[in-house]
Amino acid sequence: MNTNDGSLPGSIGRNAAVPDANAPPGPRHVLRRHVGRPTTDGAGVKLTRVIGVPGLDMLDPFLMLDEFCSDDPAAYIAGFPEHPHRGFETVTYMLAGRMRHRDHLGNVGLLEPGSVQWMTAGRGILHSEMPEQEDGLLRGFQLWINLPARNKLCAPGYQDIAPDRIPEVALPDSGKVRVVAGSFANSTGPVVAADTSPLFLDVRLPANANVELPVPAGHSAFVFTYEGTVQVGTGNTAQPVTARELAVLSEGNSVHFATGSTASKALLVAARPLCEPVAKYGPFVMNTPQEIHEAIADFRAGRF
């Protein structure tokens, strides 16, 4: 996805409330809740942008979160034709439908329900993401995670992960947790991303369930509920996070989820903040305005 966000070259990202790493360990609670805004990207694909919009420009190291969800082919069929990226990683997590990835290096991959593609754009990649279906539901997420300055110009790379490679941990109340990245209950996700040590859990709970989930201390973290309502936190700090709502979490080393009368599903995502300057322009994310201009010049000159 290539974000037509209208930023000026070298615009500086405004970070949202990063948890205080010096706070004592304990359960996390909701710092703020946020609802995304409808937009279009690529060749007119309709989606909801949750991170990367006014009100939640970024949450270090997270630069963008999009949810795409439609059973109307007119909303997605044109897909995301070839476009560039530099300086960060993209994470595509499919819930329903099929999407074909191709790039200028000759890589081809198919994203299907339950699969993940973790792409490191590094110094530059030209790729396309096109629906491989003419009707039916297309649903999933794309998350952008920043790279540190030392690795922004690394070689591009991919981690294409089939559904059966993602561990599923059964919970006592018939719920389950899919472990995409990081660890939960002695299961470790297949994604390797040393720069930010991410945690990416897809938590699926039945009605009247409770679960305590570990979250690395010092990591920025958020919850995005994509079905139902999840009560996040404990005691007086607990807040309901409803469908299509994101909650930025406080510092701590765990978070408590509970459900009421309906089953619910939510993403729990965390990663180590980089605490570096951010300059961004559409599909390029660097540290300085000068580096943005260099990225544009390299792209125009065919040096990706």
C-alpha atoms as a PDB file:
ATOM      1  CA  MET A   1       0.000   0.000   0.000  1.00  0.00           C
ATOM      2  CA  ASN A   2       1.343   3.386  -0.866  1.00  0.00           C
ATOM      3  CA  THR A   3      -0.517   6.011   1.258  1.00  0.00           C
ATOM      4  CA  ASN A   4      -1.654   9.096  -0.537  1.00  0.00           C
ATOM      5  CA  ASP A   5      -1.448  11.095   2.654  1.00  0.00           C
ATOM      6  CA  GLY A   6      -0.502  14.416   1.109  1.00  0.00           C
ATOM      7  CA  SER A   7       2.473  14.973   3.391  1.00  0.00           C
ATOM      8  CA  LEU A   8       5.050  17.452   2.195  1.00  0.00           C
ATOM      9  CA  PRO A   9       8.519  16.052   1.494  1.00  0.00           C
ATOM     10  CA  GLY A  10      10.360  15.762   4.783  1.00  0.00           C
ATOM     11  CA  SER A  11       7.326  16.325   7.017  1.00  0.00           C
ATOM     12  CA  ILE A  12       8.075  15.285  10.584  1.00  0.00           C
ATOM     13  CA  GLY A  13       5.884  12.634  12.156  1.00  0.00           C
ATOM     14  CA  ARG A  14       4.142  13.583  15.378  1.00  0.00           C
ATOM     15  CA  ASN A  15       4.408  10.764  17.884  1.00  0.00           C
ATOM     16  CA  ALA A  16       1.446   9.779  20.043  1.00  0.00           C
ATOM     17  CA  ALA A  17       1.776   9.164  23.768  1.00  0.00           C
ATOM     18  CA  VAL A  18       4.603   6.623  24.051  1.00  0.00           C
ATOM     19  CA  PRO A  19       4.432   4.713  27.348  1.00  0.00           C
ATOM     20  CA  ASP A  20       6.867   5.770  30.054  1.00  0.00           C
ATOM     21  CA  ALA A  21       9.561   3.091  30.118  1.00  0.00           C
ATOM     22  CA  ASN A  22      10.545   4.206  33.644  1.00  0.00           C
ATOM     23  CA  ALA A  23       7.110   3.406  35.056  1.00  0.00           C
ATOM     24  CA  PRO A  24       6.984   0.427  37.455  1.00  0.00           C
ATOM     25  CA  PRO A  25       5.979  -2.917  35.903  1.00  0.00           C
ATOM     26  CA  GLY A  26       2.393  -4.055  36.271  1.00  0.00           C
ATOM     27  CA  PRO A  27      -0.811  -4.388  34.267  1.00  0.00           C
ATOM     28  CA  ARG A  28      -1.264  -1.976  31.392  1.00  0.00           C
ATOM     29  CA  HIS A  29      -4.344   0.187  31.006  1.00  0.00           C
ATOM     30  CA  VAL A  30      -5.856   2.257  28.212  1.00  0.00           C
ATOM     31  CA  LEU A  31      -4.251   5.676  27.770  1.00  0.00           C
ATOM     32  CA  ARG A  32      -6.536   6.762  24.938  1.00  0.00           C
ATOM     33  CA  ARG A  33      -8.965   5.358  22.398  1.00  0.00           C
ATOM     34  CA  HIS A  34      -9.063   6.231  18.732  1.00  0.00           C
ATOM     35  CA  VAL A  35     -11.304   5.514  15.740  1.00  0.00           C
ATOM     36  CA  GLY A  36      -9.824   5.490  12.248  1.00  0.00           C
ATOM     37  CA  ARG A  37     -11.022   7.392   9.224  1.00  0.00           C
ATOM     38  CA  PRO A  38     -12.260   6.047   5.891  1.00  0.00           C
ATOM     39  CA  THR A  39      -9.929   6.685   2.978  1.00  0.00           C
ATOM     40  CA  THR A  40      -8.807   5.219  -0.327  1.00  0.00           C
ATOM     41  CA  ASP A  41      -5.372   4.088  -1.430  1.00  0.00           C
ATOM     42  CA  GLY A  42      -3.726   2.349  -4.355  1.00  0.00           C
ATOM     43  CA  ALA A  43      -6.038   2.422  -7.373  1.00  0.00           C
ATOM     44  CA  GLY A  44      -9.060   3.371  -5.278  1.00  0.00           C
ATOM     45  CA  VAL A  45      -9.220   0.609  -2.654  1.00  0.00           C
ATOM     46  CA  LYS A  46     -11.532   1.608   0.193  1.00  0.00           C
ATOM     47  CA  LEU A  47     -10.078   1.105   3.655  1.00  0.00           C
ATOM     48  CA  THR A  48      -9.978   2.531   7.167  1.00  0.00           C
ATOM     49  CA  ARG A  49      -6.735   4.155   8.293  1.00  0.00           C
ATOM     50  CA  VAL A  50      -6.322   3.872  12.067  1.00  0.00           C
ATOM     51  CA  ILE A  51      -2.692   4.940  12.615  1.00  0.00           C
ATOM     52  CA  GLY A  52      -1.273   7.574  10.280  1.00  0.00           C
ATOM     53  CA  VAL A  53      -4.092  10.117  10.474  1.00  0.00           C
ATOM     54  CA  PRO A  54      -4.708  13.330  12.439  1.00  0.00           C
ATOM     55  CA  GLY A  55      -5.210  12.383  16.056  1.00  0.00           C
ATOM     56  CA  LEU A  56      -2.859   9.385  15.830  1.00  0.00           C
ATOM     57  CA  ASP A  57      -0.085  10.239  13.395  1.00  0.00           C
ATOM     58  CA  MET A  58       2.209   7.501  14.706  1.00  0.00           C
ATOM     59  CA  LEU A  59       3.016   5.472  17.798  1.00  0.00           C
ATOM     60  CA  ASP A  60       6.762   4.837  17.715  1.00  0.00           C
ATOM     61  CA  PRO A  61       7.731   2.572  15.961  1.00  0.00           C
ATOM     62  CA  PHE A  62       4.287   2.123  14.333  1.00  0.00           C
ATOM     63  CA  LEU A  63       3.771   4.426  11.363  1.00  0.00           C
ATOM     64  CA  MET A  64       0.463   3.265   9.913  1.00  0.00           C
ATOM     65  CA  LEU A  65      -2.327   0.741  10.436  1.00  0.00           C
ATOM     66  CA  ASP A  66      -4.933   0.114   7.735  1.00  0.00           C
ATOM     67  CA  GLU A  67      -7.918  -2.199   7.898  1.00  0.00           C
ATOM     68  CA  PHE A  68      -9.458  -3.314   4.614  1.00  0.00           C
ATOM     69  CA  CYS A  69     -12.804  -5.081   4.794  1.00  0.00           C
ATOM     70  CA  SER A  70     -15.351  -5.322   1.998  1.00  0.00           C
ATOM     71  CA  ASP A  71     -17.406  -7.867   0.088  1.00  0.00           C
ATOM     72  CA  ASP A  72     -18.021  -5.331  -2.689  1.00  0.00           C
ATOM     73  CA  PRO A  73     -15.529  -5.988  -5.515  1.00  0.00           C
ATOM     74  CA  ALA A  74     -15.776  -2.353  -6.610  1.00  0.00           C
ATOM     75  CA  ALA A  75     -14.172  -1.400  -3.271  1.00  0.00           C
ATOM     76  CA  TYR A  76     -11.030  -3.501  -3.789  1.00  0.00           C
ATOM     77  CA  ILE A  77     -10.748  -5.012  -7.268  1.00  0.00           C
ATOM     78  CA  ALA A  78      -8.308  -2.366  -8.644  1.00  0.00           C
ATOM     79  CA  GLY A  79      -5.835  -3.251  -5.893  1.00  0.00           C
ATOM     80  CA  PHE A  80      -2.467  -1.627  -5.329  1.00  0.00           C
ATOM     81  CA  PRO A  81      -0.512  -1.439  -8.616  1.00  0.00           C
ATOM     82  CA  GLU A  82       3.277  -1.123  -8.555  1.00  0.00           C
ATOM     83  CA  HIS A  83       4.544   1.473  -6.081  1.00  0.00           C
ATOM     84  CA  PRO A  84       7.775   2.099  -4.126  1.00  0.00           C
ATOM     85  CA  HIS A  85       8.770   1.843  -0.460  1.00  0.00           C
ATOM     86  CA  ARG A  86      11.925   2.754   1.434  1.00  0.00           C
ATOM     87  CA  GLY A  87      13.005   2.863   5.065  1.00  0.00           C
ATOM     88  CA  PHE A  88      10.506   0.687   6.973  1.00  0.00           C
ATOM     89  CA  GLU A  89       8.721  -2.675   7.187  1.00  0.00           C
ATOM     90  CA  THR A  90       5.197  -3.570   6.096  1.00  0.00           C
ATOM     91  CA  VAL A  91       3.133  -6.300   7.731  1.00  0.00           C
ATOM     92  CA  THR A  92       0.118  -7.675   5.849  1.00  0.00           C
ATOM     93  CA  TYR A  93      -2.171  -9.996   7.834  1.00  0.00           C
ATOM     94  CA  MET A  94      -5.017 -11.592   5.892  1.00  0.00           C
ATOM     95  CA  LEU A  95      -8.278 -12.697   7.468  1.00  0.00           C
ATOM     96  CA  ALA A  96     -10.289 -13.411   4.320  1.00  0.00           C
ATOM     97  CA  GLY A  97      -9.669 -13.387   0.574  1.00  0.00           C
ATOM     98  CA  ARG A  98      -6.540 -13.668  -1.548  1.00  0.00           C
ATOM     99  CA  MET A  99      -3.937 -11.088  -2.558  1.00  0.00           C
ATOM    100  CA  ARG A 100      -1.014 -11.581  -4.974  1.00  0.00           C
ATOM    101  CA  HIS A 101       2.293  -9.827  -4.294  1.00  0.00           C
ATOM    102  CA  ARG A 102       4.911  -9.137  -7.004  1.00  0.00           C
ATOM    103  CA  ASP A 103       8.031  -6.991  -6.965  1.00  0.00           C
ATOM    104  CA  HIS A 104      10.709  -5.711  -9.313  1.00  0.00           C
ATOM    105  CA  LEU A 105      13.225  -8.235  -7.967  1.00  0.00           C
ATOM    106  CA  GLY A 106      11.147 -11.140  -9.258  1.00  0.00           C
ATOM    107  CA  ASN A 107       9.561 -12.195  -5.963  1.00  0.00           C
ATOM    108  CA  VAL A 108       5.965 -13.465  -6.145  1.00  0.00           C
ATOM    109  CA  GLY A 109       3.789 -14.514  -3.228  1.00  0.00           C
ATOM    110  CA  LEU A 110       0.155 -15.309  -2.455  1.00  0.00           C
ATOM    111  CA  LEU A 111      -1.514 -13.992   0.675  1.00  0.00           C
ATOM    112  CA  GLU A 112      -4.446 -16.183   1.698  1.00  0.00           C
ATOM    113  CA  PRO A 113      -6.663 -16.346   4.807  1.00  0.00           C
ATOM    114  CA  GLY A 114      -4.558 -16.601   7.950  1.00  0.00           C
ATOM    115  CA  SER A 115      -1.252 -15.809   6.234  1.00  0.00           C
ATOM    116  CA  VAL A 116       1.246 -13.031   6.894  1.00  0.00           C
ATOM    117  CA  GLN A 117       3.769 -11.210   4.762  1.00  0.00           C
ATOM    118  CA  TRP A 118       6.427  -9.242   6.647  1.00  0.00           C
ATOM    119  CA  MET A 119       8.301  -7.150   4.076  1.00  0.00           C
ATOM    120  CA  THR A 120      11.462  -5.193   4.850  1.00  0.00           C
ATOM    121  CA  ALA A 121      11.586  -2.411   2.252  1.00  0.00           C
ATOM    122  CA  GLY A 122      15.080  -1.319   3.291  1.00  0.00           C
ATOM    123  CA  ARG A 123      16.853   0.724   0.631  1.00  0.00           C
ATOM    124  CA  GLY A 124      14.015   0.350  -1.844  1.00  0.00           C
ATOM    125  CA  ILE A 125      11.427  -1.943  -3.360  1.00  0.00           C
ATOM    126  CA  LEU A 126       8.842  -1.607  -6.128  1.00  0.00           C
ATOM    127  CA  HIS A 127       5.916  -3.937  -5.601  1.00  0.00           C
ATOM    128  CA  SER A 128       2.243  -4.500  -6.271  1.00  0.00           C
ATOM    129  CA  GLU A 129      -0.521  -6.086  -4.183  1.00  0.00           C
ATOM    130  CA  MET A 130      -3.471  -7.195  -6.305  1.00  0.00           C
ATOM    131  CA  PRO A 131      -6.623  -9.083  -5.298  1.00  0.00           C
ATOM    132  CA  GLU A 132      -6.745 -12.594  -6.713  1.00  0.00           C
ATOM    133  CA  GLN A 133     -10.540 -12.815  -6.612  1.00  0.00           C
ATOM    134  CA  GLU A 134     -13.402 -11.160  -8.432  1.00  0.00           C
ATOM    135  CA  ASP A 135     -16.001 -11.346  -5.671  1.00  0.00           C
ATOM    136  CA  GLY A 136     -16.400 -12.294  -2.027  1.00  0.00           C
ATOM    137  CA  LEU A 137     -14.969 -10.852   1.158  1.00  0.00           C
ATOM    138  CA  LEU A 138     -11.490  -9.332   1.236  1.00  0.00           C
ATOM    139  CA  ARG A 139     -10.413  -8.570   4.797  1.00  0.00           C
ATOM    140  CA  GLY A 140      -7.164  -7.931   6.589  1.00  0.00           C
ATOM    141  CA  PHE A 141      -4.676  -5.410   7.917  1.00  0.00           C
ATOM    142  CA  GLN A 142      -1.490  -3.689   6.877  1.00  0.00           C
ATOM    143  CA  LEU A 143       0.822  -2.309   9.549  1.00  0.00           C
ATOM    144  CA  TRP A 144       3.917  -0.191   8.898  1.00  0.00           C
ATOM    145  CA  ILE A 145       6.815  -0.468  11.373  1.00  0.00           C
ATOM    146  CA  ASN A 146       9.766   1.900  11.258  1.00  0.00           C
ATOM    147  CA  LEU A 147      13.377   0.807  10.815  1.00  0.00           C
ATOM    148  CA  PRO A 148      16.253   2.374  12.768  1.00  0.00           C
ATOM    149  CA  ALA A 149      18.578   4.754  10.921  1.00  0.00           C
ATOM    150  CA  ARG A 150      21.355   2.149  10.774  1.00  0.00           C
ATOM    151  CA  ASN A 151      19.157  -0.263   8.793  1.00  0.00           C
ATOM    152  CA  LYS A 152      17.020   2.008   6.620  1.00  0.00           C
ATOM    153  CA  LEU A 153      19.172   1.222   3.576  1.00  0.00           C
ATOM    154  CA  CYS A 154      19.492  -2.513   4.185  1.00  0.00           C
ATOM    155  CA  ALA A 155      18.725  -5.030   1.447  1.00  0.00           C
ATOM    156  CA  PRO A 156      14.999  -5.658   0.895  1.00  0.00           C
ATOM    157  CA  GLY A 157      13.631  -8.908   2.264  1.00  0.00           C
ATOM    158  CA  TYR A 158      10.474 -10.951   2.824  1.00  0.00           C
ATOM    159  CA  GLN A 159       9.047 -13.315   5.362  1.00  0.00           C
ATOM    160  CA  ASP A 160       6.099 -15.049   3.642  1.00  0.00           C
ATOM    161  CA  ILE A 161       4.330 -17.054   6.308  1.00  0.00           C
ATOM    162  CA  ALA A 162       1.633 -19.618   5.509  1.00  0.00           C
ATOM    163  CA  PRO A 163      -1.285 -20.056   7.945  1.00  0.00           C
ATOM    164  CA  ASP A 164      -0.054 -23.425   9.222  1.00  0.00           C
ATOM    165  CA  ARG A 165       3.236 -21.875  10.359  1.00  0.00           C
ATOM    166  CA  ILE A 166       1.510 -19.575  12.851  1.00  0.00           C
ATOM    167  CA  PRO A 167       1.140 -21.249  16.268  1.00  0.00           C
ATOM    168  CA  GLU A 168      -2.330 -21.272  17.823  1.00  0.00           C
ATOM    169  CA  VAL A 169      -2.501 -21.445  21.617  1.00  0.00           C
ATOM    170  CA  ALA A 170      -5.740 -22.815  23.053  1.00  0.00           C
ATOM    171  CA  LEU A 171      -7.120 -20.964  26.063  1.00  0.00           C
ATOM    172  CA  PRO A 172      -9.015 -22.675  28.929  1.00  0.00           C
ATOM    173  CA  ASP A 173     -12.318 -21.001  27.966  1.00  0.00           C
ATOM    174  CA  SER A 174     -12.248 -22.237  24.338  1.00  0.00           C
ATOM    175  CA  GLY A 175     -10.611 -19.071  23.081  1.00  0.00           C
ATOM    176  CA  LYS A 176      -7.345 -19.060  21.171  1.00  0.00           C
ATOM    177  CA  VAL A 177      -4.362 -16.845  20.430  1.00  0.00           C
ATOM    178  CA  ARG A 178      -2.546 -16.877  17.074  1.00  0.00           C
ATOM    179  CA  VAL A 179       1.107 -15.955  17.687  1.00  0.00           C
ATOM    180  CA  VAL A 180       2.422 -14.106  14.625  1.00  0.00           C
ATOM    181  CA  ALA A 181       5.420 -12.485  16.339  1.00  0.00           C
ATOM    182  CA  GLY A 182       6.856 -12.632  19.823  1.00  0.00           C
ATOM    183  CA  SER A 183       5.904 -15.246  22.398  1.00  0.00           C
ATOM    184  CA  PHE A 184       2.873 -16.386  24.338  1.00  0.00           C
ATOM    185  CA  ALA A 185       2.417 -19.476  26.538  1.00  0.00           C
ATOM    186  CA  ASN A 186       5.638 -21.170  25.371  1.00  0.00           C
ATOM    187  CA  SER A 187       4.810 -20.605  21.692  1.00  0.00           C
ATOM    188  CA  THR A 188       6.906 -18.291  19.534  1.00  0.00           C
ATOM    189  CA  GLY A 189       5.709 -16.668  16.336  1.00  0.00           C
ATOM    190  CA  PRO A 190       7.578 -17.269  13.069  1.00  0.00           C
ATOM    191  CA  VAL A 191       8.372 -13.606  12.360  1.00  0.00           C
ATOM    192  CA  VAL A 192      11.936 -12.449  13.007  1.00  0.00           C
ATOM    193  CA  ALA A 193      12.413  -8.670  13.373  1.00  0.00           C
ATOM    194  CA  ALA A 194      15.361  -7.941  15.624  1.00  0.00           C
ATOM    195  CA  ASP A 195      15.257  -4.139  15.362  1.00  0.00           C
ATOM    196  CA  THR A 196      11.951  -3.722  17.197  1.00  0.00           C
ATOM    197  CA  SER A 197      11.339  -7.181  18.790  1.00  0.00           C
ATOM    198  CA  PRO A 198       7.616  -7.071  17.967  1.00  0.00           C
ATOM    199  CA  LEU A 199       4.727  -8.850  19.620  1.00  0.00           C
ATOM    200  CA  PHE A 200       1.780  -9.544  17.289  1.00  0.00           C
ATOM    201  CA  LEU A 201      -1.102 -11.602  18.705  1.00  0.00           C
ATOM    202  CA  ASP A 202      -4.520 -12.284  17.203  1.00  0.00           C
ATOM    203  CA  VAL A 203      -6.706 -12.911  20.273  1.00  0.00           C
ATOM    204  CA  ARG A 204     -10.052 -14.645  19.733  1.00  0.00           C
ATOM    205  CA  LEU A 205     -12.274 -14.957  22.794  1.00  0.00           C
ATOM    206  CA  PRO A 206     -15.729 -16.462  23.394  1.00  0.00           C
ATOM    207  CA  ALA A 207     -18.339 -14.722  25.516  1.00  0.00           C
ATOM    208  CA  ASN A 208     -17.598 -14.267  29.233  1.00  0.00           C
ATOM    209  CA  ALA A 209     -13.886 -14.952  28.882  1.00  0.00           C
ATOM    210  CA  ASN A 210     -10.837 -13.595  30.704  1.00  0.00           C
ATOM    211  CA  VAL A 211      -7.170 -13.770  29.776  1.00  0.00           C
ATOM    212  CA  GLU A 212      -3.957 -12.120  30.972  1.00  0.00           C
ATOM    213  CA  LEU A 213      -1.468 -11.500  28.166  1.00  0.00           C
ATOM    214  CA  PRO A 214       2.214 -10.673  28.749  1.00  0.00           C
ATOM    215  CA  VAL A 215       3.568  -7.590  26.969  1.00  0.00           C
ATOM    216  CA  PRO A 216       7.278  -6.711  27.009  1.00  0.00           C
ATOM    217  CA  ALA A 217       7.995  -3.808  29.349  1.00  0.00           C
ATOM    218  CA  GLY A 218       9.213  -0.700  27.530  1.00  0.00           C
ATOM    219  CA  HIS A 219       7.378  -1.558  24.299  1.00  0.00           C
ATOM    220  CA  SER A 220       4.801   0.738  22.753  1.00  0.00           C
ATOM    221  CA  ALA A 221       1.569  -1.244  22.560  1.00  0.00           C
ATOM    222  CA  PHE A 222      -1.959  -1.037  21.227  1.00  0.00           C
ATOM    223  CA  VAL A 223      -5.129  -3.108  21.007  1.00  0.00           C
ATOM    224  CA  PHE A 224      -7.344  -3.061  17.917  1.00  0.00           C
ATOM    225  CA  THR A 225     -10.702  -4.787  18.316  1.00  0.00           C
ATOM    226  CA  TYR A 226     -11.997  -6.049  14.996  1.00  0.00           C
ATOM    227  CA  GLU A 227     -15.083  -7.915  16.190  1.00  0.00           C
ATOM    228  CA  GLY A 228     -17.227  -7.467  19.296  1.00  0.00           C
ATOM    229  CA  THR A 229     -16.032  -5.597  22.387  1.00  0.00           C
ATOM    230  CA  VAL A 230     -13.018  -6.304  24.572  1.00  0.00           C
ATOM    231  CA  GLN A 231     -12.748  -4.938  28.112  1.00  0.00           C
ATOM    232  CA  VAL A 232      -9.106  -3.898  28.447  1.00  0.00           C
ATOM    233  CA  GLY A 233      -7.470  -3.406  31.851  1.00  0.00           C
ATOM    234  CA  THR A 234      -8.417  -4.322  35.402  1.00  0.00           C
ATOM    235  CA  GLY A 235     -10.569  -2.821  38.140  1.00  0.00           C
ATOM    236  CA  ASN A 236     -11.390   0.857  37.849  1.00  0.00           C
ATOM    237  CA  THR A 237      -9.024   1.290  34.899  1.00  0.00           C
ATOM    238  CA  ALA A 238     -10.833  -1.212  32.648  1.00  0.00           C
ATOM    239  CA  GLN A 239     -12.321   0.291  29.489  1.00  0.00           C
ATOM    240  CA  PRO A 240     -14.369  -1.252  26.679  1.00  0.00           C
ATOM    241  CA  VAL A 241     -12.647  -1.194  23.298  1.00  0.00           C
ATOM    242  CA  THR A 242     -15.364  -1.684  20.715  1.00  0.00           C
ATOM    243  CA  ALA A 243     -15.203  -2.992  17.147  1.00  0.00           C
ATOM    244  CA  ARG A 244     -13.056  -0.862  14.817  1.00  0.00           C
ATOM    245  CA  GLU A 245     -11.541   1.003  17.782  1.00  0.00           C
ATOM    246  CA  LEU A 246      -7.848   1.204  18.755  1.00  0.00           C
ATOM    247  CA  ALA A 247      -6.603   1.636  22.317  1.00  0.00           C
ATOM    248  CA  VAL A 248      -3.105   2.959  23.060  1.00  0.00           C
ATOM    249  CA  LEU A 249      -1.810   1.194  26.172  1.00  0.00           C
ATOM    250  CA  SER A 250       0.171   2.489  29.131  1.00  0.00           C
ATOM    251  CA  GLU A 251       3.512   1.051  30.217  1.00  0.00           C
ATOM    252  CA  GLY A 252       3.467  -2.329  31.983  1.00  0.00           C
ATOM    253  CA  ASN A 253       4.325  -5.973  31.503  1.00  0.00           C
ATOM    254  CA  SER A 254       0.864  -7.457  30.907  1.00  0.00           C
ATOM    255  CA  VAL A 255      -2.661  -6.591  29.807  1.00  0.00           C
ATOM    256  CA  HIS A 256      -5.982  -8.106  30.835  1.00  0.00           C
ATOM    257  CA  PHE A 257      -8.732  -8.870  28.305  1.00  0.00           C
ATOM    258  CA  ALA A 258     -12.328  -9.747  29.185  1.00  0.00           C
ATOM    259  CA  THR A 259     -15.490 -10.223  27.146  1.00  0.00           C
ATOM    260  CA  GLY A 260     -19.160  -9.832  27.997  1.00  0.00           C
ATOM    261  CA  SER A 261     -22.122 -11.531  26.387  1.00  0.00           C
ATOM    262  CA  THR A 262     -20.607 -11.807  22.889  1.00  0.00           C
ATOM    263  CA  ALA A 263     -17.485 -13.341  21.393  1.00  0.00           C
ATOM    264  CA  SER A 264     -14.791 -10.870  20.383  1.00  0.00           C
ATOM    265  CA  LYS A 265     -11.562 -10.682  18.387  1.00  0.00           C
ATOM    266  CA  ALA A 266      -8.693  -8.245  18.778  1.00  0.00           C
ATOM    267  CA  LEU A 267      -5.097  -7.668  17.759  1.00  0.00           C
ATOM    268  CA  LEU A 268      -2.554  -7.022  20.506  1.00  0.00           C
ATOM    269  CA  VAL A 269       0.552  -5.442  18.989  1.00  0.00           C
ATOM    270  CA  ALA A 270       3.686  -4.108  20.676  1.00  0.00           C
ATOM    271  CA  ALA A 271       7.232  -3.211  19.657  1.00  0.00           C
ATOM    272  CA  ARG A 272      10.326  -1.492  20.988  1.00  0.00           C
ATOM    273  CA  PRO A 273      10.239   2.264  20.197  1.00  0.00           C
ATOM    274  CA  LEU A 274      13.186   3.621  18.225  1.00  0.00           C
ATOM    275  CA  CYS A 275      13.153   7.161  19.661  1.00  0.00           C
ATOM    276  CA  GLU A 276      14.627   8.616  16.458  1.00  0.00           C
ATOM    277  CA  PRO A 277      13.577  11.565  14.268  1.00  0.00           C
ATOM    278  CA  VAL A 278      11.014  10.627  11.614  1.00  0.00           C
ATOM    279  CA  ALA A 279      10.705  12.298   8.226  1.00  0.00           C
ATOM    280  CA  LYS A 280       8.121  10.879   5.846  1.00  0.00           C
ATOM    281  CA  TYR A 281       6.640  11.447   2.435  1.00  0.00           C
ATOM    282  CA  GLY A 282       4.050   8.952   1.217  1.00  0.00           C
ATOM    283  CA  PRO A 283       5.884   5.616   0.755  1.00  0.00           C
ATOM    284  CA  PHE A 284       9.267   6.887   2.024  1.00  0.00           C
ATOM    285  CA  VAL A 285      10.133   7.064   5.743  1.00  0.00           C
ATOM    286  CA  MET A 286      13.567   8.340   6.710  1.00  0.00           C
ATOM    287  CA  ASN A 287      15.174  10.373   9.508  1.00  0.00           C
ATOM    288  CA  THR A 288      15.759  13.743   7.819  1.00  0.00           C
ATOM    289  CA  PRO A 289      14.168  15.826   5.041  1.00  0.00           C
ATOM    290  CA  GLN A 290      17.398  15.513   3.041  1.00  0.00           C
ATOM    291  CA  GLU A 291      17.098  11.718   3.096  1.00  0.00           C
ATOM    292  CA  ILE A 292      13.532  12.017   1.802  1.00  0.00           C
ATOM    293  CA  HIS A 293      14.742  14.082  -1.155  1.00  0.00           C
ATOM    294  CA  GLU A 294      17.457  11.484  -1.787  1.00  0.00           C
ATOM    295  CA  ALA A 295      14.837   8.704  -1.756  1.00  0.00           C
ATOM    296  CA  ILE A 296      12.717  10.564  -4.308  1.00  0.00           C
ATOM    297  CA  ALA A 297      15.758  11.190  -6.513  1.00  0.00           C
ATOM    298  CA  ASP A 298      16.840   7.522  -6.310  1.00  0.00           C
ATOM    299  CA  PHE A 299      13.335   6.347  -7.205  1.00  0.00           C
ATOM    300  CA  ARG A 300      13.072   8.693 -10.178  1.00  0.00           C
ATOM    301  CA  ALA A 301      16.518   7.649 -11.403  1.00  0.00           C
ATOM    302  CA  GLY A 302      15.664   3.935 -11.202  1.00  0.00           C
ATOM    303  CA  ARG A 303      18.152   3.181  -8.437  1.00  0.00           C
ATOM    304  CA  PHE A 304      15.781   1.034  -6.354  1.00  0.00           C
END
